[in-house]
Amino acid sequence: MSGLAGIATQKNCFKPLHRLTNSHRHLGKSKGGMASKDQQFHVAIHDIERTPFLTKFETERKKLSGHLGIGVISSSDNQPLVFNNEVGHYAICVQGNFNNLKQLGDKLKKEGFNFREETYDPKHGISRYNKAELCGLIISTGSNIVEGIKKAWEEIKGHGSINLILLTKDGIYAARDPRGTFSLTLGQNDHAYSVVSETTAFPNLNFKTVKELLPGEIIFFDRKGYQTLAPGQEGGKICTFLYIYTAMPPAVIQKITVEKSRYRTGAKLWQRYQDLLLKAELDYIAGIPDSGMGHALGAERAAGIHLERPLTKLDDERSYIFTTQEMRDEAADFKITVVEEVIEEMRFFLLDDSLVRNTQFRWLVKKIAACHPDHVILGLACPALTHICPFEESTRDWGELAACRVIEMIERKPFTSVDLTPYLDPQSDKYQLMVKLITKEVNRESSMDGVHQILYQRQADMLSAIGTNDKGEVILPPERFCTYCWDGKM
């Protein structure tokens, strides 16, 4: 994934832009970039796979000054990029993904466009077009910037979802994809306007939310204010996984606070399996840090059973954002450690956001098993993931998904030719077998079972928990959430 930030301020833009961009560091672990505009454009892009974004830009502090700036944390592409063509002189950052990238790039090449950038994919050993560059080139074929953005969206439509911010000499354009898969929010403090993918850093910089852009909305802002250039429309499908895992707890997306939504999903999970869990005679409830903790707190409140911490996190790395499986495994192995005395001979309900690949989780389970718990039930805040998301890049192959591998094992044929209907129905025998085999996979590295049972959240329960507030009021109905990674429905 990627995270975007832009600011127009009456003061020097470097410090607030640096902080706003850094607050998206959980969304990417490949490239970090910033661009500013005074008399000219200044751009700095750094590799952040081994060292954090925050430490990278000190030598460019003076250069990246001025009153206007944009920044990005990227999962793969060099950004921001600068263009100077008939529609304007601008720097661009993008967030999202589209799976017709090669076709669009090849088409532009045939039309005579020259590509300067490429992105290396270490997993597949190939290079591909840079998404920001491709979008910038498509925009250059429009009659103006706004029409160029609309043209880019039209080319991508049905193949992905892209948010964009563009820096010009006069101000910043911000554009939220018509599908509305990811958020884009405008904020204001006493001396600046800012747009961000996530509002996580707003409170620390005294920004108050002005508006969350509607799907398809394009705005322009400078130090004095903002104007809407394309109104957008109500509706869209926001990524549900933002609430389950991806977004930081303080983020507010579609008027829903992420942390509070996780309390509700944890509570819903407990309520669904309450009879089974009460029979287990649990000693406590726990969460896998960090993103499992919100779900665990919700289960604790619903159950009235106290929370303990058998697992602790040593740093703030999120292993899924690394670019290779080897790096993800290394980060996962070291980021969590066990507290043996809290685990030994104990019975507990352990909550996490999801189980995606199981390439890392099984090693954590091995650590838990080595502490000899009496009984561990794993609760997952979402259903089993069965589809590759076309809107972001963290998982690209069917074989990476634990559920897909198990379904292929059951059916003895390629996953893509399997009728998934019974595997999406918690009442079916095939669903029960899938969960049983995933549980076996989770314990694969352990000499004894570290996890004795897995309880997946029901999709309807998940959507209700996120979209309904604590008062029982519906903020977002189920049809406003993207559930593609669970059921394959656009």
Foldseek 3Di string as FASTA:
>chain_A
DKKKKKKAFPFWPQVVQLVQQLLQQLVFQAKKKKWADDPHIDIDMDGRNPHGSSPPCPVCSVVRTDRIMMIMHDLWATDFDWDDADQATKTKDKAWFFDCQQVLVVVVVVVPDDADDWTAQVVVRDIGGGPNRSLVVQCRPAPHNLRSNVSSLVVRPPGAFMWMWMDHNAWIKTFGALQNAFKWWWWDDPTMIMIIRWCVCCVVVVTDTPGIQAHGWMKTDHRPGIDTPTRHDPFHAYALVCLLDRPDQQTQDLNFRSLQLLLLLLLLLCVVCVVVVVVLVAQAEEEAPDSRHSSRNSVCVNNVGHYDYQKDFDDDHDLLSNSDPVSSQVCLLRGMAGDLVVAAQGEYEYEGSAQFQLPRLLNVLQRSVVSHYNAYEYEHSAAQFQDDDSIDDSDDDRNRGLLLVLVCVVVVDHSVPDDCVQCLDCVHPVVVSSQVVSQCSSNVVHPDRSHDGYHYRRHQSSQLSRQAGPVRRGSDHSSNHDPCRRPNDD
